Each structure stands twice: as structure tokens, then as C-alpha cells.
Amino acid sequence: MALMDHFPSNIGSFGNHGTNWPDRDEEPDYDALSGFAHLGRGWVDGLLERIAPEVWGPDAKWLETYCHANFTLAMRQDLLHVDTQMRFALWRVGSLATADGRPIYGYFVRNSGITPPPYFLVGFITLDGGILRYQVPGAVCELIRIDSPPVSPAHFVPPFPPLLPSTMWQHVLETRRERIAARLPKLPDYSLRYLITGAVGAAYRARSRAVPGLRRDGTYQWFLPIHITSASPNDAPDFIAPVTIADDGQGHVIRTLLEPHMAYPLARAADADDGRIRTWRAGAQGQPLAGDMNGAWVGAGRDHYDR
């Protein structure tokens, strides 16, 4: 039985398999994971306790973004393990693992009620020895061998644009003046334009540093790190330039400049680890420097993406 046969008809449309390029700058209101299972309060905290230590933002909201995006891909690629009797389902949670390297799986049991969604999220487990401990209330625990555990979804990222994207300067300067001035104070518009134009051109020439981001709906977005106050790629970028398709569908544009931490959760959702983007967490007021697990987090909400 195909995976989608297990879902109610109102779970929504899943489009193509994540290879389309988004033409908007705001994260869509899309939630495949909640359409599959009741999640329960504190489910992200439960996952946070199981995985290897890593900075996941205020209230672990970046981890929540990671889960929603990777679940969408797993569903589209038919990678959930659904019991033949439909008693339970397993999901490989991206590339997340315990501190000792054991893969983490989401464990769902069937919702026996008439109200969707079809499953409940029990929690996050490891399959030690390939054994699942399945139990329902009032029944004896049953040890079930999972011969073929689910695997992480593959990423089908669209190619980076072959031509330098154009920058929508009027829109950028009108809507992001305060953000830009915080990094580049006391400069007139013409100076900002020439300075950032040069930085965008340098970033494009070094486009091997561009990083894809994965949205909750399973579509991808390229992020171009912009360095102005420091030329070293090892330092935190001053801005992140999201590259999107132009409104007329011809070519690509940069409509906004983000603070690095705004792009971090989507970039992390598309990467196996945080090695390339660790510095993106630094630089926002009140946030810890990269690698600081104990700093205070201030002012970053659930949605980090804007125009």
C-alpha cells in the first residue's frame, strides 16, 4: 500500500517532489507533520533531550522548523515505515542522531478515533538491535523487528543561478534601511548601493559558498552569504541574500537582505550538520556566539523569513 493511501483526503496537496524553486519570500502556512499526527505539547523538547547537543535557537524553534521540513520530504519520497497492520509508523528524523551516533526515529501509533489526523506522535526513539517495543494500553509489550528502518530523505536542490542575480535596490533600501544601517552606519544610499553591489558580486563569484535552505513545504531557497566588514569566509557574514525567481519568471533577483540568524533555520534544515553555517547564529543582539550553548536568546521568533 502506498504511503499516501494512509492519509485522509483533506491532508492537502503535496505538489512535486521538492525540486521546484519557490517564487516567494515568506514561509508558507504548510504543515504536513501536523496533518499526519497529533504532536502533543512539548514534543520538540522531547526530541531535544534525545539528540546530540546543538544550538537550536530560542525555545528550539529552529529544531521545529527542521522537523517539519524534513518530514515533508520523507513523506513525498515515501520513506516512512508504516506497519502492514497500520498499528504504527516510523520516521527517520533527517540526519539527527544521539550523542553516540545512533539514528533518531519519530514513533507514531495509529489514531483509533474518527477525528484526523491518522496517527499520534508517541516520541522519539532509537532502534537498538533493530527492535521496536510496541505496546498499546492494557496489552503486553510486543518486540517487533524492523528489518528495513526508514532512511533520511534525499535532497534535490535546484542548481544555483548561472547568471548574477539582480538586486531590487529600491525595495531593499526602503524596507531594510534600519537593518542595513545597523551594520553599515552613517552611509548615504549611493554609498550603500555601490558597497553592497560589490559585496554581492564578490559573493556570486565565490558562489561555492552559497547554501540551500529547505522550507516547511519541502521547497528550496538559495542563500548567498554577503561579507562586507570582513573578507574572511570563516567570519560571520554581514547579511544573507535570498535568491528568488523574478516576478516575470525570467532570471533571478535579490529582494531583501536578511540577518544571518534569520536564514539559519532553513539552511540547517537542508544540511546534514551545522558546519557550514555555524557562524550564522552569531551577530544578533542577545544571541550567543557560535558554539556557546549557554547564552541568552532574545528576540528571535518562530518565523525568520521576510521580504
C-alpha atoms as a PDB file:
ATOM      1  CA  MET A   1       0.000   0.000   0.000  1.00  0.00           C
ATOM      2  CA  ALA A   2       1.337   3.424  -0.923  1.00  0.00           C
ATOM      3  CA  LEU A   3       2.058   5.805   1.931  1.00  0.00           C
ATOM      4  CA  MET A   4      -0.475   8.405   0.788  1.00  0.00           C
ATOM      5  CA  ASP A   5      -3.213   5.748   0.978  1.00  0.00           C
ATOM      6  CA  HIS A   6      -2.979   6.057   4.755  1.00  0.00           C
ATOM      7  CA  PHE A   7      -3.985   9.714   4.824  1.00  0.00           C
ATOM      8  CA  PRO A   8      -7.387  11.409   4.886  1.00  0.00           C
ATOM      9  CA  SER A   9      -8.360  13.258   1.754  1.00  0.00           C
ATOM     10  CA  ASN A  10      -8.087  16.646   3.447  1.00  0.00           C
ATOM     11  CA  ILE A  11      -4.415  16.393   4.330  1.00  0.00           C
ATOM     12  CA  GLY A  12      -3.561  18.707   1.439  1.00  0.00           C
ATOM     13  CA  SER A  13      -1.653  18.726  -1.798  1.00  0.00           C
ATOM     14  CA  PHE A  14       1.989  17.845  -1.793  1.00  0.00           C
ATOM     15  CA  GLY A  15       2.924  19.108  -5.252  1.00  0.00           C
ATOM     16  CA  ASN A  16       6.042  17.800  -6.937  1.00  0.00           C
ATOM     17  CA  HIS A  17       8.976  16.236  -5.143  1.00  0.00           C
ATOM     18  CA  GLY A  18      10.614  19.333  -3.744  1.00  0.00           C
ATOM     19  CA  THR A  19      12.600  20.269  -6.838  1.00  0.00           C
ATOM     20  CA  ASN A  20      10.606  23.394  -7.629  1.00  0.00           C
ATOM     21  CA  TRP A  21      12.106  26.771  -6.813  1.00  0.00           C
ATOM     22  CA  PRO A  22       9.967  28.961  -4.549  1.00  0.00           C
ATOM     23  CA  ASP A  23       8.950  32.310  -6.003  1.00  0.00           C
ATOM     24  CA  ARG A  24       8.007  33.904  -2.693  1.00  0.00           C
ATOM     25  CA  ASP A  25       9.951  35.114   0.307  1.00  0.00           C
ATOM     26  CA  GLU A  26       7.609  34.143   3.106  1.00  0.00           C
ATOM     27  CA  GLU A  27       7.371  30.662   4.558  1.00  0.00           C
ATOM     28  CA  PRO A  28       4.014  29.221   3.541  1.00  0.00           C
ATOM     29  CA  ASP A  29       1.411  28.070   6.019  1.00  0.00           C
ATOM     30  CA  TYR A  30       2.109  24.407   5.405  1.00  0.00           C
ATOM     31  CA  ASP A  31       2.220  21.625   7.965  1.00  0.00           C
ATOM     32  CA  ALA A  32       2.483  18.057   6.685  1.00  0.00           C
ATOM     33  CA  LEU A  33       3.658  16.744  10.052  1.00  0.00           C
ATOM     34  CA  SER A  34       0.609  18.053  11.919  1.00  0.00           C
ATOM     35  CA  GLY A  35      -1.549  16.669   9.131  1.00  0.00           C
ATOM     36  CA  PHE A  36      -0.075  13.231   9.793  1.00  0.00           C
ATOM     37  CA  ALA A  37      -0.132  13.084  13.585  1.00  0.00           C
ATOM     38  CA  HIS A  38      -1.263  14.712  16.802  1.00  0.00           C
ATOM     39  CA  LEU A  39       2.005  16.127  18.126  1.00  0.00           C
ATOM     40  CA  GLY A  40       1.188  16.948  21.708  1.00  0.00           C
ATOM     41  CA  ARG A  41       2.615  19.673  23.902  1.00  0.00           C
ATOM     42  CA  GLY A  42       6.379  19.647  24.372  1.00  0.00           C
ATOM     43  CA  TRP A  43       7.164  17.262  21.514  1.00  0.00           C
ATOM     44  CA  VAL A  44      10.155  19.349  20.373  1.00  0.00           C
ATOM     45  CA  ASP A  45      11.589  19.324  23.902  1.00  0.00           C
ATOM     46  CA  GLY A  46      11.332  15.549  23.894  1.00  0.00           C
ATOM     47  CA  LEU A  47      13.406  15.398  20.736  1.00  0.00           C
ATOM     48  CA  LEU A  48      15.913  17.919  22.064  1.00  0.00           C
ATOM     49  CA  GLU A  49      16.592  15.640  25.025  1.00  0.00           C
ATOM     50  CA  ARG A  50      17.461  12.706  22.759  1.00  0.00           C
ATOM     51  CA  ILE A  51      19.762  14.242  20.164  1.00  0.00           C
ATOM     52  CA  ALA A  52      23.400  15.292  20.318  1.00  0.00           C
ATOM     53  CA  PRO A  53      23.862  18.796  21.802  1.00  0.00           C
ATOM     54  CA  GLU A  54      23.493  21.611  19.289  1.00  0.00           C
ATOM     55  CA  VAL A  55      22.234  25.200  19.322  1.00  0.00           C
ATOM     56  CA  TRP A  56      18.637  25.209  18.059  1.00  0.00           C
ATOM     57  CA  GLY A  57      17.557  28.761  18.757  1.00  0.00           C
ATOM     58  CA  PRO A  58      15.012  30.213  21.192  1.00  0.00           C
ATOM     59  CA  ASP A  59      12.679  27.528  22.536  1.00  0.00           C
ATOM     60  CA  ALA A  60      14.227  25.118  19.988  1.00  0.00           C
ATOM     61  CA  LYS A  61      12.147  26.731  17.226  1.00  0.00           C
ATOM     62  CA  TRP A  62      14.878  26.033  14.681  1.00  0.00           C
ATOM     63  CA  LEU A  63      14.611  22.335  15.522  1.00  0.00           C
ATOM     64  CA  GLU A  64      10.869  22.545  14.961  1.00  0.00           C
ATOM     65  CA  THR A  65      11.471  24.037  11.506  1.00  0.00           C
ATOM     66  CA  TYR A  66      13.976  21.258  10.784  1.00  0.00           C
ATOM     67  CA  CYS A  67      11.443  18.570  11.692  1.00  0.00           C
ATOM     68  CA  HIS A  68       8.572  19.979   9.650  1.00  0.00           C
ATOM     69  CA  ALA A  69      10.730  20.449   6.542  1.00  0.00           C
ATOM     70  CA  ASN A  70      12.355  17.020   6.707  1.00  0.00           C
ATOM     71  CA  PHE A  71       9.088  15.243   7.422  1.00  0.00           C
ATOM     72  CA  THR A  72       7.597  16.775   4.286  1.00  0.00           C
ATOM     73  CA  LEU A  73      10.472  15.393   2.210  1.00  0.00           C
ATOM     74  CA  ALA A  74      10.238  11.975   3.846  1.00  0.00           C
ATOM     75  CA  MET A  75       6.535  11.819   3.073  1.00  0.00           C
ATOM     76  CA  ARG A  76       6.966  12.911  -0.537  1.00  0.00           C
ATOM     77  CA  GLN A  77       9.678  10.334  -1.082  1.00  0.00           C
ATOM     78  CA  ASP A  78       7.568   7.602   0.571  1.00  0.00           C
ATOM     79  CA  LEU A  79      10.211   6.989   3.230  1.00  0.00           C
ATOM     80  CA  LEU A  80       8.016   6.494   6.274  1.00  0.00           C
ATOM     81  CA  HIS A  81       7.880   2.933   7.554  1.00  0.00           C
ATOM     82  CA  VAL A  82       4.203   2.091   8.016  1.00  0.00           C
ATOM     83  CA  ASP A  83       3.322  -1.171   9.739  1.00  0.00           C
ATOM     84  CA  THR A  84       1.482  -3.604   7.462  1.00  0.00           C
ATOM     85  CA  GLN A  85      -1.319  -3.713  10.033  1.00  0.00           C
ATOM     86  CA  MET A  86      -1.217   0.099  10.269  1.00  0.00           C
ATOM     87  CA  ARG A  87      -0.602  -0.074  14.031  1.00  0.00           C
ATOM     88  CA  PHE A  88       2.395   2.258  13.959  1.00  0.00           C
ATOM     89  CA  ALA A  89       4.706   4.273  11.725  1.00  0.00           C
ATOM     90  CA  LEU A  90       8.367   5.267  11.920  1.00  0.00           C
ATOM     91  CA  TRP A  91      10.136   8.315  10.514  1.00  0.00           C
ATOM     92  CA  ARG A  92      13.884   8.882  10.275  1.00  0.00           C
ATOM     93  CA  VAL A  93      14.238  12.422  11.595  1.00  0.00           C
ATOM     94  CA  GLY A  94      16.526  13.927   8.963  1.00  0.00           C
ATOM     95  CA  SER A  95      20.120  13.214   9.902  1.00  0.00           C
ATOM     96  CA  LEU A  96      19.648  13.708  13.656  1.00  0.00           C
ATOM     97  CA  ALA A  97      21.329  11.245  15.993  1.00  0.00           C
ATOM     98  CA  THR A  98      22.123  10.712  19.656  1.00  0.00           C
ATOM     99  CA  ALA A  99      25.416  11.878  21.137  1.00  0.00           C
ATOM    100  CA  ASP A 100      26.850   8.403  20.491  1.00  0.00           C
ATOM    101  CA  GLY A 101      25.717   8.386  16.853  1.00  0.00           C
ATOM    102  CA  ARG A 102      22.530   6.291  16.941  1.00  0.00           C
ATOM    103  CA  PRO A 103      19.863   7.407  14.425  1.00  0.00           C
ATOM    104  CA  ILE A 104      16.735   9.045  15.822  1.00  0.00           C
ATOM    105  CA  TYR A 105      13.271   7.973  14.679  1.00  0.00           C
ATOM    106  CA  GLY A 106       9.858   9.504  15.216  1.00  0.00           C
ATOM    107  CA  TYR A 107       7.497   6.850  16.563  1.00  0.00           C
ATOM    108  CA  PHE A 108       3.770   7.138  15.794  1.00  0.00           C
ATOM    109  CA  VAL A 109       0.830   4.911  16.774  1.00  0.00           C
ATOM    110  CA  ARG A 110      -2.434   4.692  14.941  1.00  0.00           C
ATOM    111  CA  ASN A 111      -5.248   7.042  15.938  1.00  0.00           C
ATOM    112  CA  SER A 112      -8.216   4.772  16.554  1.00  0.00           C
ATOM    113  CA  GLY A 113     -10.654   7.663  16.747  1.00  0.00           C
ATOM    114  CA  ILE A 114     -12.684   9.126  13.926  1.00  0.00           C
ATOM    115  CA  THR A 115     -11.104  12.576  14.067  1.00  0.00           C
ATOM    116  CA  PRO A 116      -7.976  13.090  11.958  1.00  0.00           C
ATOM    117  CA  PRO A 117      -5.005  13.127  11.817  1.00  0.00           C
ATOM    118  CA  PRO A 118      -4.438   9.378  11.442  1.00  0.00           C
ATOM    119  CA  TYR A 119      -1.581   8.972  13.972  1.00  0.00           C
ATOM    120  CA  PHE A 120      -0.291  10.129  17.339  1.00  0.00           C
ATOM    121  CA  LEU A 121       3.360  11.015  17.897  1.00  0.00           C
ATOM    122  CA  VAL A 122       4.465   8.902  20.852  1.00  0.00           C
ATOM    123  CA  GLY A 123       8.008  10.248  20.934  1.00  0.00           C
ATOM    124  CA  PHE A 124      11.498   9.799  19.547  1.00  0.00           C
ATOM    125  CA  ILE A 125      13.382   6.544  19.807  1.00  0.00           C
ATOM    126  CA  THR A 126      16.405   4.573  18.703  1.00  0.00           C
ATOM    127  CA  LEU A 127      16.041   1.109  17.216  1.00  0.00           C
ATOM    128  CA  ASP A 128      18.686  -0.673  19.270  1.00  0.00           C
ATOM    129  CA  GLY A 129      19.306  -4.012  17.599  1.00  0.00           C
ATOM    130  CA  GLY A 130      16.571  -3.145  15.108  1.00  0.00           C
ATOM    131  CA  ILE A 131      13.898  -3.831  17.740  1.00  0.00           C
ATOM    132  CA  LEU A 132      10.807  -1.707  18.310  1.00  0.00           C
ATOM    133  CA  ARG A 133       8.978  -2.065  21.620  1.00  0.00           C
ATOM    134  CA  TYR A 134       5.349  -1.771  20.576  1.00  0.00           C
ATOM    135  CA  GLN A 135       2.675  -1.517  23.235  1.00  0.00           C
ATOM    136  CA  VAL A 136      -0.893  -0.309  23.476  1.00  0.00           C
ATOM    137  CA  PRO A 137      -2.698   0.387  26.760  1.00  0.00           C
ATOM    138  CA  GLY A 138      -3.702  -2.800  28.554  1.00  0.00           C
ATOM    139  CA  ALA A 139      -1.595  -5.036  26.326  1.00  0.00           C
ATOM    140  CA  VAL A 140       1.719  -6.830  26.758  1.00  0.00           C
ATOM    141  CA  CYS A 141       4.744  -5.170  25.157  1.00  0.00           C
ATOM    142  CA  GLU A 142       5.486  -6.729  21.779  1.00  0.00           C
ATOM    143  CA  LEU A 143       9.026  -6.763  20.404  1.00  0.00           C
ATOM    144  CA  ILE A 144       8.918  -6.127  16.674  1.00  0.00           C
ATOM    145  CA  ARG A 145      11.999  -6.408  14.487  1.00  0.00           C
ATOM    146  CA  ILE A 146      12.326  -3.633  11.913  1.00  0.00           C
ATOM    147  CA  ASP A 147      14.402  -5.217   9.158  1.00  0.00           C
ATOM    148  CA  SER A 148      14.483  -2.096   6.977  1.00  0.00           C
ATOM    149  CA  PRO A 149      14.322   1.059   9.109  1.00  0.00           C
ATOM    150  CA  PRO A 150      13.356   4.246   7.276  1.00  0.00           C
ATOM    151  CA  VAL A 151      16.194   6.345   5.876  1.00  0.00           C
ATOM    152  CA  SER A 152      16.799  10.073   5.627  1.00  0.00           C
ATOM    153  CA  PRO A 153      15.248  11.841   2.630  1.00  0.00           C
ATOM    154  CA  ALA A 154      17.415  12.825  -0.312  1.00  0.00           C
ATOM    155  CA  HIS A 155      17.775  16.488  -1.199  1.00  0.00           C
ATOM    156  CA  PHE A 156      17.023  17.511  -4.778  1.00  0.00           C
ATOM    157  CA  VAL A 157      18.264  21.088  -4.725  1.00  0.00           C
ATOM    158  CA  PRO A 158      17.757  23.183  -7.869  1.00  0.00           C
ATOM    159  CA  PRO A 159      21.004  24.473  -9.392  1.00  0.00           C
ATOM    160  CA  PHE A 160      22.310  27.831  -8.325  1.00  0.00           C
ATOM    161  CA  PRO A 161      21.527  30.547 -10.935  1.00  0.00           C
ATOM    162  CA  PRO A 162      24.088  30.617 -13.770  1.00  0.00           C
ATOM    163  CA  LEU A 163      23.867  34.422 -14.042  1.00  0.00           C
ATOM    164  CA  LEU A 164      24.377  37.079 -11.382  1.00  0.00           C
ATOM    165  CA  PRO A 165      21.003  37.880  -9.766  1.00  0.00           C
ATOM    166  CA  SER A 166      19.860  41.490  -9.991  1.00  0.00           C
ATOM    167  CA  THR A 167      19.267  43.362  -6.734  1.00  0.00           C
ATOM    168  CA  MET A 168      15.991  45.229  -6.220  1.00  0.00           C
ATOM    169  CA  TRP A 169      17.653  48.237  -4.628  1.00  0.00           C
ATOM    170  CA  GLN A 170      14.666  50.471  -4.112  1.00  0.00           C
ATOM    171  CA  HIS A 171      12.766  47.711  -2.316  1.00  0.00           C
ATOM    172  CA  VAL A 172      15.811  46.696  -0.241  1.00  0.00           C
ATOM    173  CA  LEU A 173      16.665  50.237   0.867  1.00  0.00           C
ATOM    174  CA  GLU A 174      13.062  51.210   1.569  1.00  0.00           C
ATOM    175  CA  THR A 175      12.200  48.127   3.610  1.00  0.00           C
ATOM    176  CA  ARG A 176      15.510  47.171   5.209  1.00  0.00           C
ATOM    177  CA  ARG A 177      17.173  50.523   5.854  1.00  0.00           C
ATOM    178  CA  GLU A 178      17.327  50.056   9.632  1.00  0.00           C
ATOM    179  CA  ARG A 179      18.803  46.575   9.283  1.00  0.00           C
ATOM    180  CA  ILE A 180      21.444  47.760   6.835  1.00  0.00           C
ATOM    181  CA  ALA A 181      22.285  50.862   8.862  1.00  0.00           C
ATOM    182  CA  ALA A 182      22.906  48.718  11.931  1.00  0.00           C
ATOM    183  CA  ARG A 183      25.798  47.057  10.105  1.00  0.00           C
ATOM    184  CA  LEU A 184      26.852  49.966   7.886  1.00  0.00           C
ATOM    185  CA  PRO A 185      26.028  53.178   9.768  1.00  0.00           C
ATOM    186  CA  LYS A 186      26.103  56.755   8.508  1.00  0.00           C
ATOM    187  CA  LEU A 187      26.403  55.979   4.811  1.00  0.00           C
ATOM    188  CA  PRO A 188      24.241  57.598   2.118  1.00  0.00           C
ATOM    189  CA  ASP A 189      22.158  55.440  -0.187  1.00  0.00           C
ATOM    190  CA  TYR A 190      24.527  55.720  -3.160  1.00  0.00           C
ATOM    191  CA  SER A 191      27.427  54.524  -0.995  1.00  0.00           C
ATOM    192  CA  LEU A 192      25.398  51.618   0.341  1.00  0.00           C
ATOM    193  CA  ARG A 193      24.379  50.653  -3.163  1.00  0.00           C
ATOM    194  CA  TYR A 194      27.929  50.555  -4.502  1.00  0.00           C
ATOM    195  CA  LEU A 195      29.287  48.854  -1.389  1.00  0.00           C
ATOM    196  CA  ILE A 196      26.678  46.117  -1.310  1.00  0.00           C
ATOM    197  CA  THR A 197      26.752  45.703  -5.103  1.00  0.00           C
ATOM    198  CA  GLY A 198      30.432  44.908  -4.875  1.00  0.00           C
ATOM    199  CA  ALA A 199      29.855  42.507  -1.998  1.00  0.00           C
ATOM    200  CA  VAL A 200      27.061  40.729  -3.886  1.00  0.00           C
ATOM    201  CA  GLY A 201      29.301  40.404  -6.934  1.00  0.00           C
ATOM    202  CA  ALA A 202      32.138  39.010  -4.815  1.00  0.00           C
ATOM    203  CA  ALA A 203      29.746  36.569  -3.157  1.00  0.00           C
ATOM    204  CA  TYR A 204      28.451  35.427  -6.537  1.00  0.00           C
ATOM    205  CA  ARG A 205      31.989  34.817  -7.812  1.00  0.00           C
ATOM    206  CA  ALA A 206      32.533  32.699  -4.686  1.00  0.00           C
ATOM    207  CA  ARG A 207      29.152  31.014  -5.139  1.00  0.00           C
ATOM    208  CA  SER A 208      30.517  27.704  -3.927  1.00  0.00           C
ATOM    209  CA  ARG A 209      29.766  29.247  -0.520  1.00  0.00           C
ATOM    210  CA  ALA A 210      26.073  29.624  -1.364  1.00  0.00           C
ATOM    211  CA  VAL A 211      23.877  27.488   0.866  1.00  0.00           C
ATOM    212  CA  PRO A 212      20.455  25.998   0.085  1.00  0.00           C
ATOM    213  CA  GLY A 213      17.615  26.342   2.551  1.00  0.00           C
ATOM    214  CA  LEU A 214      14.673  23.983   2.956  1.00  0.00           C
ATOM    215  CA  ARG A 215      11.206  25.342   3.706  1.00  0.00           C
ATOM    216  CA  ARG A 216       8.480  23.609   5.678  1.00  0.00           C
ATOM    217  CA  ASP A 217       6.661  22.858   2.411  1.00  0.00           C
ATOM    218  CA  GLY A 218       9.672  20.984   1.007  1.00  0.00           C
ATOM    219  CA  THR A 219      10.781  23.634  -1.491  1.00  0.00           C
ATOM    220  CA  TYR A 220      14.277  25.089  -1.603  1.00  0.00           C
ATOM    221  CA  GLN A 221      15.770  28.555  -1.454  1.00  0.00           C
ATOM    222  CA  TRP A 222      19.369  29.564  -2.164  1.00  0.00           C
ATOM    223  CA  PHE A 223      21.119  31.826   0.346  1.00  0.00           C
ATOM    224  CA  LEU A 224      24.148  33.891  -0.625  1.00  0.00           C
ATOM    225  CA  PRO A 225      26.385  34.977   2.313  1.00  0.00           C
ATOM    226  CA  ILE A 226      27.388  38.647   1.966  1.00  0.00           C
ATOM    227  CA  HIS A 227      30.653  39.749   3.605  1.00  0.00           C
ATOM    228  CA  ILE A 228      31.337  43.495   3.813  1.00  0.00           C
ATOM    229  CA  THR A 229      33.025  44.306   7.124  1.00  0.00           C
ATOM    230  CA  SER A 230      35.222  41.207   6.885  1.00  0.00           C
ATOM    231  CA  ALA A 231      36.519  39.467   3.784  1.00  0.00           C
ATOM    232  CA  SER A 232      37.148  36.156   5.529  1.00  0.00           C
ATOM    233  CA  PRO A 233      34.590  33.455   4.701  1.00  0.00           C
ATOM    234  CA  ASN A 234      35.278  31.994   8.142  1.00  0.00           C
ATOM    235  CA  ASP A 235      33.727  35.048   9.807  1.00  0.00           C
ATOM    236  CA  ALA A 236      30.004  35.566  10.209  1.00  0.00           C
ATOM    237  CA  PRO A 237      28.504  37.209   7.103  1.00  0.00           C
ATOM    238  CA  ASP A 238      27.014  40.669   7.479  1.00  0.00           C
ATOM    239  CA  PHE A 239      23.887  39.699   5.576  1.00  0.00           C
ATOM    240  CA  ILE A 240      22.309  36.766   3.802  1.00  0.00           C
ATOM    241  CA  ALA A 241      20.839  37.439   0.359  1.00  0.00           C
ATOM    242  CA  PRO A 242      17.981  35.085  -0.592  1.00  0.00           C
ATOM    243  CA  VAL A 243      17.938  34.434  -4.338  1.00  0.00           C
ATOM    244  CA  THR A 244      14.488  34.035  -5.893  1.00  0.00           C
ATOM    245  CA  ILE A 245      12.918  33.827  -9.320  1.00  0.00           C
ATOM    246  CA  ALA A 246      11.915  37.210 -10.756  1.00  0.00           C
ATOM    247  CA  ASP A 247       8.208  38.009 -10.953  1.00  0.00           C
ATOM    248  CA  ASP A 248       8.235  37.559 -14.727  1.00  0.00           C
ATOM    249  CA  GLY A 249       9.922  34.184 -14.373  1.00  0.00           C
ATOM    250  CA  GLN A 250      12.960  35.419 -16.268  1.00  0.00           C
ATOM    251  CA  GLY A 251      16.179  35.419 -14.265  1.00  0.00           C
ATOM    252  CA  HIS A 252      16.724  35.723 -10.531  1.00  0.00           C
ATOM    253  CA  VAL A 253      16.611  38.589  -8.078  1.00  0.00           C
ATOM    254  CA  ILE A 254      17.632  39.580  -4.567  1.00  0.00           C
ATOM    255  CA  ARG A 255      14.635  41.244  -2.925  1.00  0.00           C
ATOM    256  CA  THR A 256      15.929  41.566   0.621  1.00  0.00           C
ATOM    257  CA  LEU A 257      18.917  41.246   2.905  1.00  0.00           C
ATOM    258  CA  LEU A 258      18.491  39.074   5.981  1.00  0.00           C
ATOM    259  CA  GLU A 259      20.383  38.989   9.209  1.00  0.00           C
ATOM    260  CA  PRO A 260      22.247  35.650   9.220  1.00  0.00           C
ATOM    261  CA  HIS A 261      20.253  34.132  12.089  1.00  0.00           C
ATOM    262  CA  MET A 262      17.036  34.682  10.101  1.00  0.00           C
ATOM    263  CA  ALA A 263      18.196  32.337   7.346  1.00  0.00           C
ATOM    264  CA  TYR A 264      19.846  29.832   9.682  1.00  0.00           C
ATOM    265  CA  PRO A 265      16.869  27.528  10.433  1.00  0.00           C
ATOM    266  CA  LEU A 266      16.042  26.958   6.753  1.00  0.00           C
ATOM    267  CA  ALA A 267      19.700  26.413   5.873  1.00  0.00           C
ATOM    268  CA  ARG A 268      20.097  23.973   8.761  1.00  0.00           C
ATOM    269  CA  ALA A 269      17.033  22.028   7.613  1.00  0.00           C
ATOM    270  CA  ALA A 270      18.761  21.331   4.278  1.00  0.00           C
ATOM    271  CA  ASP A 271      22.158  20.346   5.684  1.00  0.00           C
ATOM    272  CA  ALA A 272      23.445  17.215   7.383  1.00  0.00           C
ATOM    273  CA  ASP A 273      25.087  19.308  10.107  1.00  0.00           C
ATOM    274  CA  ASP A 274      25.747  22.924  11.044  1.00  0.00           C
ATOM    275  CA  GLY A 275      29.384  23.032   9.968  1.00  0.00           C
ATOM    276  CA  ARG A 276      28.975  25.467   7.061  1.00  0.00           C
ATOM    277  CA  ILE A 277      26.550  27.816   8.768  1.00  0.00           C
ATOM    278  CA  ARG A 278      27.580  27.821  12.413  1.00  0.00           C
ATOM    279  CA  THR A 279      28.675  31.461  12.249  1.00  0.00           C
ATOM    280  CA  TRP A 280      25.200  32.468  11.035  1.00  0.00           C
ATOM    281  CA  ARG A 281      23.911  32.047  14.590  1.00  0.00           C
ATOM    282  CA  ALA A 282      26.142  34.841  15.839  1.00  0.00           C
ATOM    283  CA  GLY A 283      25.690  38.562  15.433  1.00  0.00           C
ATOM    284  CA  ALA A 284      22.093  39.100  16.505  1.00  0.00           C
ATOM    285  CA  GLN A 285      21.690  41.119  19.689  1.00  0.00           C
ATOM    286  CA  GLY A 286      21.392  38.933  22.762  1.00  0.00           C
ATOM    287  CA  GLN A 287      22.281  35.713  20.943  1.00  0.00           C
ATOM    288  CA  PRO A 288      25.285  33.574  21.842  1.00  0.00           C
ATOM    289  CA  LEU A 289      28.341  33.303  19.675  1.00  0.00           C
ATOM    290  CA  ALA A 290      28.714  30.137  17.643  1.00  0.00           C
ATOM    291  CA  GLY A 291      29.381  27.189  19.901  1.00  0.00           C
ATOM    292  CA  ASP A 292      28.059  28.907  23.061  1.00  0.00           C
ATOM    293  CA  MET A 293      25.391  26.552  24.382  1.00  0.00           C
ATOM    294  CA  ASN A 294      24.601  28.662  27.439  1.00  0.00           C
ATOM    295  CA  GLY A 295      23.979  32.169  26.064  1.00  0.00           C
ATOM    296  CA  ALA A 296      20.702  34.015  26.405  1.00  0.00           C
ATOM    297  CA  TRP A 297      18.449  34.091  23.353  1.00  0.00           C
ATOM    298  CA  VAL A 298      16.492  37.262  22.731  1.00  0.00           C
ATOM    299  CA  GLY A 299      14.031  38.432  20.142  1.00  0.00           C
ATOM    300  CA  ALA A 300      14.053  35.641  17.545  1.00  0.00           C
ATOM    301  CA  GLY A 301      10.608  34.231  16.840  1.00  0.00           C
ATOM    302  CA  ARG A 302       9.313  31.191  15.008  1.00  0.00           C
ATOM    303  CA  ASP A 303       9.262  32.718  11.542  1.00  0.00           C
ATOM    304  CA  HIS A 304      12.641  34.060  10.486  1.00  0.00           C
ATOM    305  CA  TYR A 305      11.874  34.778   6.863  1.00  0.00           C
ATOM    306  CA  ASP A 306      10.685  38.055   5.419  1.00  0.00           C
ATOM    307  CA  ARG A 307      10.578  40.237   2.353  1.00  0.00           C
END
